[in-house]
Amino acid sequence: MNEDSQYVIRGIRADEWEKVKELRLAALADPVAPVAFLENPVEAAAQPDEFWQGRAEGGAKGNPVRQFVAEAADGRWVGSVTVLLESAGARGIFDEVIPVEQGHLVGVFVRPEQRGTGLTEALFQAALDWAWGLEEPVLERVRLFVHEENARAQAFYRRFGFAASGTVVPMPGDSGAKEFEYLISRP
């Protein structure tokens, strides 16, 4: 549970695909979704159940993906973050060569009514604790990308200990917009 004991922060289970779907569609419907997510909400909503079942199964495994959620006492999911494991030498989501064993945080979302309550911090802490606790691969760092216009998220990432790496990539689907890479090194 987080500090006020209203929420449990935990990894998802493979059989929770309906909640994975509901929370993701809520995230994609959020007003900041266009600068926060690379997924199209119409296409996501049209995906068959098998897609969401596979997504939940993958996010529950822990290799190469692990999804964490904030769950309210009534069972409702109110936030999520996902860690992708990236191997040195492989290609990343922007087709770049991955320089070291690292984690990549994606899908950061907290419902608007829970923002500013500490849930994002709790989700990030769970994700990083998991990443640093892996025996194999041993991750050197964790990164994330943030849209140039998402100042609120950039401020949170800096407060949490991430630093801009200087790497800037074009946002997929909008070559006029930029995504900034932020990193945090293994403690």
Protein backbone atom coordinates (compact mmCIF):
# COMPACT_ATOMS: atom_id res chain seq x y z
CA MET A 1 0.00 0.00 0.00
CA ASN A 2 1.10 3.57 -0.50
CA GLU A 3 1.51 6.05 2.34
CA ASP A 4 -2.18 6.69 2.92
CA SER A 5 -3.00 2.96 2.55
CA GLN A 6 -5.77 3.62 0.06
CA TYR A 7 -4.01 1.91 -2.84
CA VAL A 8 -1.99 -1.21 -3.48
CA ILE A 9 0.87 -0.87 -5.96
CA ARG A 10 1.52 -4.21 -7.62
CA GLY A 11 2.37 -6.03 -10.81
CA ILE A 12 -0.52 -7.10 -12.97
CA ARG A 13 -1.68 -10.70 -13.43
CA ALA A 14 -2.21 -12.31 -16.83
CA ASP A 15 -5.94 -12.81 -16.24
CA GLU A 16 -6.59 -9.09 -15.68
CA TRP A 17 -6.84 -8.18 -19.37
CA GLU A 18 -10.22 -6.44 -19.02
CA LYS A 19 -8.76 -4.03 -16.46
CA VAL A 20 -5.66 -3.54 -18.63
CA LYS A 21 -7.96 -2.59 -21.50
CA GLU A 22 -10.18 -0.28 -19.44
CA LEU A 23 -7.28 1.63 -17.92
CA ARG A 24 -5.44 1.97 -21.23
CA LEU A 25 -8.54 3.28 -23.01
CA ALA A 26 -9.08 5.74 -20.14
CA ALA A 27 -5.47 6.90 -20.54
CA LEU A 28 -5.88 7.34 -24.29
CA ALA A 29 -9.07 9.38 -23.72
CA ASP A 30 -7.27 11.78 -21.35
CA PRO A 31 -6.86 15.33 -22.72
CA VAL A 32 -3.04 15.04 -22.52
CA ALA A 33 -2.96 11.71 -24.40
CA PRO A 34 -1.77 13.22 -27.70
CA VAL A 35 1.49 14.37 -26.06
CA ALA A 36 1.77 11.41 -23.67
CA PHE A 37 1.09 8.26 -25.70
CA LEU A 38 2.08 7.00 -29.13
CA GLU A 39 -1.02 4.83 -29.47
CA ASN A 40 -4.13 5.86 -31.41
CA PRO A 41 -7.25 5.69 -29.19
CA VAL A 42 -9.60 4.64 -32.02
CA GLU A 43 -7.29 1.82 -33.10
CA ALA A 44 -6.77 0.70 -29.50
CA ALA A 45 -10.52 0.58 -28.82
CA ALA A 46 -11.01 -1.53 -31.96
CA GLN A 47 -8.53 -4.20 -30.85
CA PRO A 48 -10.05 -7.66 -30.22
CA ASP A 49 -10.06 -9.27 -26.78
CA GLU A 50 -7.13 -11.48 -27.84
CA PHE A 51 -4.96 -8.38 -28.22
CA TRP A 52 -5.71 -7.26 -24.65
CA GLN A 53 -5.27 -10.80 -23.32
CA GLY A 54 -1.83 -10.92 -24.93
CA ARG A 55 -0.96 -7.50 -23.58
CA ALA A 56 -1.90 -8.53 -20.04
CA GLU A 57 -0.03 -11.82 -20.33
CA GLY A 58 3.08 -10.01 -21.55
CA GLY A 59 2.88 -7.33 -18.84
CA ALA A 60 2.56 -9.98 -16.14
CA LYS A 61 5.60 -12.03 -17.21
CA GLY A 62 8.34 -9.57 -16.35
CA ASN A 63 10.53 -10.31 -19.35
CA PRO A 64 10.71 -8.27 -21.50
CA VAL A 65 7.74 -6.30 -20.09
CA ARG A 66 6.38 -5.68 -16.58
CA GLN A 67 3.32 -3.56 -15.85
CA PHE A 68 2.52 -2.09 -12.45
CA VAL A 69 -0.82 -0.68 -11.32
CA ALA A 70 -2.24 1.32 -8.45
CA GLU A 71 -5.35 -0.51 -7.25
CA ALA A 72 -7.97 1.14 -5.03
CA ALA A 73 -9.60 -0.72 -2.14
CA ASP A 74 -12.67 -1.34 -4.34
CA GLY A 75 -10.48 -3.06 -6.97
CA ARG A 76 -10.53 -0.16 -9.44
CA TRP A 77 -7.23 0.56 -11.18
CA VAL A 78 -6.31 4.23 -10.91
CA GLY A 79 -2.80 4.32 -12.37
CA SER A 80 -0.16 2.37 -14.20
CA VAL A 81 3.42 2.32 -15.46
CA THR A 82 5.15 -0.29 -17.60
CA VAL A 83 8.83 -1.23 -17.77
CA LEU A 84 10.27 -2.54 -21.03
CA LEU A 85 13.61 -4.33 -20.81
CA GLU A 86 16.03 -3.23 -23.54
CA SER A 87 19.14 -5.25 -24.36
CA ALA A 88 22.45 -3.66 -25.33
CA GLY A 89 22.86 -3.77 -29.10
CA ALA A 90 19.14 -4.18 -29.82
CA ARG A 91 16.99 -1.53 -31.51
CA GLY A 92 14.75 0.71 -29.41
CA ILE A 93 11.30 2.05 -30.22
CA PHE A 94 12.80 4.96 -32.16
CA ASP A 95 15.04 2.54 -34.12
CA GLU A 96 18.10 3.64 -32.16
CA VAL A 97 20.79 1.18 -31.01
CA ILE A 98 20.48 0.46 -27.29
CA PRO A 99 23.90 1.22 -25.75
CA VAL A 100 23.57 -0.67 -22.42
CA GLU A 101 21.24 -3.06 -20.58
CA GLN A 102 18.43 -0.76 -19.52
CA GLY A 103 14.78 -0.37 -18.64
CA HIS A 104 12.39 1.90 -20.47
CA LEU A 105 9.33 3.33 -18.68
CA VAL A 106 6.24 3.70 -20.85
CA GLY A 107 2.49 4.02 -20.42
CA VAL A 108 2.67 6.32 -17.39
CA PHE A 109 -0.89 7.21 -16.39
CA VAL A 110 -2.75 8.23 -13.25
CA ARG A 111 -6.44 9.10 -13.43
CA PRO A 112 -7.01 12.87 -13.16
CA GLU A 113 -8.76 12.63 -9.78
CA GLN A 114 -5.70 10.89 -8.25
CA ARG A 115 -3.04 13.20 -9.69
CA GLY A 116 -0.96 15.00 -7.10
CA THR A 117 -1.65 12.34 -4.44
CA GLY A 118 1.71 10.56 -4.60
CA LEU A 119 0.49 7.68 -6.76
CA THR A 120 2.84 8.47 -9.64
CA GLU A 121 5.77 8.45 -7.21
CA ALA A 122 4.62 5.12 -5.77
CA LEU A 123 4.24 3.59 -9.24
CA PHE A 124 7.68 4.84 -10.31
CA GLN A 125 9.25 3.54 -7.11
CA ALA A 126 7.72 0.08 -7.64
CA ALA A 127 8.91 0.03 -11.26
CA LEU A 128 12.44 1.11 -10.35
CA ASP A 129 12.66 -1.25 -7.37
CA TRP A 130 11.71 -4.09 -9.70
CA ALA A 131 14.18 -2.95 -12.39
CA TRP A 132 17.10 -2.59 -9.95
CA GLY A 133 16.22 -5.91 -8.30
CA LEU A 134 16.55 -7.99 -11.46
CA GLU A 135 19.33 -10.55 -11.30
CA GLU A 136 19.38 -10.91 -15.10
CA PRO A 137 19.72 -8.69 -16.93
CA VAL A 138 21.46 -6.27 -14.59
CA LEU A 139 20.21 -2.88 -15.73
CA GLU A 140 22.60 0.06 -15.80
CA ARG A 141 19.89 2.66 -16.15
CA VAL A 142 16.23 3.32 -16.82
CA ARG A 143 14.99 5.80 -19.38
CA LEU A 144 11.81 7.33 -20.66
CA PHE A 145 10.81 9.75 -23.38
CA VAL A 146 8.62 12.79 -22.88
CA HIS A 147 7.01 15.13 -25.40
CA GLU A 148 8.55 18.59 -25.59
CA GLU A 149 5.19 20.18 -24.67
CA ASN A 150 4.53 17.97 -21.63
CA ALA A 151 6.09 20.32 -19.08
CA ARG A 152 4.21 18.83 -16.12
CA ALA A 153 5.63 15.37 -16.80
CA GLN A 154 9.13 16.75 -17.40
CA ALA A 155 9.01 18.53 -14.02
CA PHE A 156 7.87 15.34 -12.27
CA TYR A 157 10.64 13.26 -13.88
CA ARG A 158 13.30 15.76 -12.78
CA ARG A 159 11.91 15.83 -9.21
CA PHE A 160 12.02 12.03 -9.16
CA GLY A 161 15.70 12.01 -10.14
CA PHE A 162 15.64 11.61 -13.90
CA ALA A 163 17.83 13.94 -15.96
CA ALA A 164 17.58 14.95 -19.60
CA SER A 165 20.21 13.02 -21.56
CA GLY A 166 20.36 15.46 -24.46
CA THR A 167 18.93 12.87 -26.86
CA VAL A 168 16.04 14.32 -28.86
CA VAL A 169 14.01 12.30 -31.36
CA PRO A 170 11.11 13.21 -33.64
CA MET A 171 7.73 12.13 -32.33
CA PRO A 172 6.39 9.25 -34.46
CA GLY A 173 3.59 10.51 -36.66
CA ASP A 174 4.52 14.17 -36.11
CA SER A 175 8.01 14.96 -37.37
CA GLY A 176 7.58 18.59 -36.26
CA ALA A 177 7.32 17.55 -32.60
CA LYS A 178 10.15 16.27 -30.41
CA GLU A 179 10.53 13.71 -27.66
CA PHE A 180 13.23 14.20 -25.01
CA GLU A 181 15.01 11.25 -23.39
CA TYR A 182 15.36 11.30 -19.60
CA LEU A 183 17.60 8.87 -17.68
CA ILE A 184 18.16 7.66 -14.16
CA SER A 185 21.23 5.57 -13.36
CA ARG A 186 21.37 2.50 -11.17
CA PRO A 187 21.80 3.59 -7.54
